[in-house]
Amino acid sequence: MVRLPLTREDVKRGQQLGELLRVARGPRSILDVAIEAGISPETLRKIETGRVATPAFPTVAAVAIVLGLSLDDLWARSAHPTDHLRRR
């Protein structure tokens, strides 16, 4: 299977998603959240820093559940990264 290159919008969306998750994690450690979500701390670190621009849905869902985030809200806030910046 050939994977298409990521667009700039994909990269921005991934960075926004990572920022949202990092902020929602607050003072909790990456290790604690990752273990509770059933993923590796390195995976969560990569998502939070935007190095994984398109993480798998089950991974995002697991982290969102641990952090008490609505997937609808998370999508709305990361789907259009520039809109999020304009609302502030």
C-alpha atoms as a PDB file:
ATOM      1  CA  MET A   1       0.000   0.000   0.000  1.00  0.00           C
ATOM      2  CA  VAL A   2       1.347   3.409  -0.950  1.00  0.00           C
ATOM      3  CA  ARG A   3       0.847   6.189   1.561  1.00  0.00           C
ATOM      4  CA  LEU A   4       0.290   9.661   0.167  1.00  0.00           C
ATOM      5  CA  PRO A   5       2.529  12.442   1.487  1.00  0.00           C
ATOM      6  CA  LEU A   6       1.046  14.590   4.226  1.00  0.00           C
ATOM      7  CA  THR A   7      -0.230  18.019   3.268  1.00  0.00           C
ATOM      8  CA  ARG A   8       0.614  21.151   5.225  1.00  0.00           C
ATOM      9  CA  GLU A   9      -2.933  21.049   6.590  1.00  0.00           C
ATOM     10  CA  ASP A  10      -2.391  17.464   7.793  1.00  0.00           C
ATOM     11  CA  VAL A  11       0.760  18.524   9.608  1.00  0.00           C
ATOM     12  CA  LYS A  12      -0.940  21.564  11.179  1.00  0.00           C
ATOM     13  CA  ARG A  13      -3.902  19.439  12.252  1.00  0.00           C
ATOM     14  CA  GLY A  14      -1.542  16.920  13.856  1.00  0.00           C
ATOM     15  CA  GLN A  15       0.307  19.666  15.699  1.00  0.00           C
ATOM     16  CA  GLN A  16      -2.968  21.142  16.931  1.00  0.00           C
ATOM     17  CA  LEU A  17      -4.184  17.729  18.101  1.00  0.00           C
ATOM     18  CA  GLY A  18      -0.921  17.188  19.968  1.00  0.00           C
ATOM     19  CA  GLU A  19      -1.161  20.582  21.649  1.00  0.00           C
ATOM     20  CA  LEU A  20      -4.761  19.929  22.703  1.00  0.00           C
ATOM     21  CA  LEU A  21      -3.823  16.581  24.231  1.00  0.00           C
ATOM     22  CA  ARG A  22      -0.776  18.015  25.981  1.00  0.00           C
ATOM     23  CA  VAL A  23      -2.785  20.851  27.507  1.00  0.00           C
ATOM     24  CA  ALA A  24      -5.553  18.449  28.574  1.00  0.00           C
ATOM     25  CA  ARG A  25      -2.960  16.167  30.185  1.00  0.00           C
ATOM     26  CA  GLY A  26      -1.991  19.057  32.463  1.00  0.00           C
ATOM     27  CA  PRO A  27       0.344  18.041  35.279  1.00  0.00           C
ATOM     28  CA  ARG A  28      -0.149  14.310  34.725  1.00  0.00           C
ATOM     29  CA  SER A  29       2.937  12.547  33.435  1.00  0.00           C
ATOM     30  CA  ILE A  30       3.169  11.159  29.911  1.00  0.00           C
ATOM     31  CA  LEU A  31       3.935   7.785  31.474  1.00  0.00           C
ATOM     32  CA  ASP A  32       0.779   7.700  33.606  1.00  0.00           C
ATOM     33  CA  VAL A  33      -1.534   8.756  30.779  1.00  0.00           C
ATOM     34  CA  ALA A  34       0.078   6.421  28.247  1.00  0.00           C
ATOM     35  CA  ILE A  35      -0.149   3.404  30.552  1.00  0.00           C
ATOM     36  CA  GLU A  36      -3.784   4.130  31.342  1.00  0.00           C
ATOM     37  CA  ALA A  37      -4.536   4.533  27.615  1.00  0.00           C
ATOM     38  CA  GLY A  38      -2.698   1.315  26.755  1.00  0.00           C
ATOM     39  CA  ILE A  39      -0.100   2.933  24.518  1.00  0.00           C
ATOM     40  CA  SER A  40       3.618   3.516  24.843  1.00  0.00           C
ATOM     41  CA  PRO A  41       4.869   6.757  26.386  1.00  0.00           C
ATOM     42  CA  GLU A  42       6.925   7.339  23.235  1.00  0.00           C
ATOM     43  CA  THR A  43       3.783   7.159  21.084  1.00  0.00           C
ATOM     44  CA  LEU A  44       2.050   9.753  23.254  1.00  0.00           C
ATOM     45  CA  ARG A  45       5.173  11.933  23.215  1.00  0.00           C
ATOM     46  CA  LYS A  46       5.285  11.793  19.411  1.00  0.00           C
ATOM     47  CA  ILE A  47       1.602  12.685  19.128  1.00  0.00           C
ATOM     48  CA  GLU A  48       1.927  15.577  21.567  1.00  0.00           C
ATOM     49  CA  THR A  49       4.905  17.026  19.711  1.00  0.00           C
ATOM     50  CA  GLY A  50       3.248  16.655  16.304  1.00  0.00           C
ATOM     51  CA  ARG A  51       5.740  14.077  15.038  1.00  0.00           C
ATOM     52  CA  VAL A  52       2.814  11.738  14.357  1.00  0.00           C
ATOM     53  CA  ALA A  53       0.502  13.966  12.351  1.00  0.00           C
ATOM     54  CA  THR A  54      -2.118  11.293  11.706  1.00  0.00           C
ATOM     55  CA  PRO A  55      -2.296   8.967  14.706  1.00  0.00           C
ATOM     56  CA  ALA A  56      -4.623   5.970  14.544  1.00  0.00           C
ATOM     57  CA  PHE A  57      -8.190   6.606  15.657  1.00  0.00           C
ATOM     58  CA  PRO A  58      -8.129   3.951  18.420  1.00  0.00           C
ATOM     59  CA  THR A  59      -5.022   5.596  19.850  1.00  0.00           C
ATOM     60  CA  VAL A  60      -6.567   9.064  19.897  1.00  0.00           C
ATOM     61  CA  ALA A  61      -9.810   7.658  21.313  1.00  0.00           C
ATOM     62  CA  ALA A  62      -7.976   5.854  24.124  1.00  0.00           C
ATOM     63  CA  VAL A  63      -6.056   8.991  25.119  1.00  0.00           C
ATOM     64  CA  ALA A  64      -9.201  11.132  24.881  1.00  0.00           C
ATOM     65  CA  ILE A  65     -11.079   8.765  27.201  1.00  0.00           C
ATOM     66  CA  VAL A  66      -8.271   8.863  29.756  1.00  0.00           C
ATOM     67  CA  LEU A  67      -8.195  12.663  29.618  1.00  0.00           C
ATOM     68  CA  GLY A  68     -11.983  12.997  29.730  1.00  0.00           C
ATOM     69  CA  LEU A  69     -12.167  14.632  26.322  1.00  0.00           C
ATOM     70  CA  SER A  70     -15.063  14.419  23.900  1.00  0.00           C
ATOM     71  CA  LEU A  71     -13.980  13.080  20.519  1.00  0.00           C
ATOM     72  CA  ASP A  72     -16.445  15.464  18.855  1.00  0.00           C
ATOM     73  CA  ASP A  73     -14.877  18.442  20.610  1.00  0.00           C
ATOM     74  CA  LEU A  74     -11.362  17.208  19.952  1.00  0.00           C
ATOM     75  CA  TRP A  75     -12.118  16.852  16.233  1.00  0.00           C
ATOM     76  CA  ALA A  76     -13.820  20.240  16.050  1.00  0.00           C
ATOM     77  CA  ARG A  77     -10.865  21.928  17.710  1.00  0.00           C
ATOM     78  CA  SER A  78      -8.195  20.170  15.628  1.00  0.00           C
ATOM     79  CA  ALA A  79      -9.922  19.839  12.253  1.00  0.00           C
ATOM     80  CA  HIS A  80      -9.328  23.468  11.343  1.00  0.00           C
ATOM     81  CA  PRO A  81      -6.196  24.611  13.191  1.00  0.00           C
ATOM     82  CA  THR A  82      -6.300  28.172  11.920  1.00  0.00           C
ATOM     83  CA  ASP A  83      -9.921  28.617  13.090  1.00  0.00           C
ATOM     84  CA  HIS A  84      -8.831  27.666  16.615  1.00  0.00           C
ATOM     85  CA  LEU A  85      -6.257  30.465  16.581  1.00  0.00           C
ATOM     86  CA  ARG A  86      -8.769  33.066  15.363  1.00  0.00           C
ATOM     87  CA  ARG A  87     -11.216  32.330  18.202  1.00  0.00           C
ATOM     88  CA  ARG A  88      -8.770  33.372  20.901  1.00  0.00           C
END
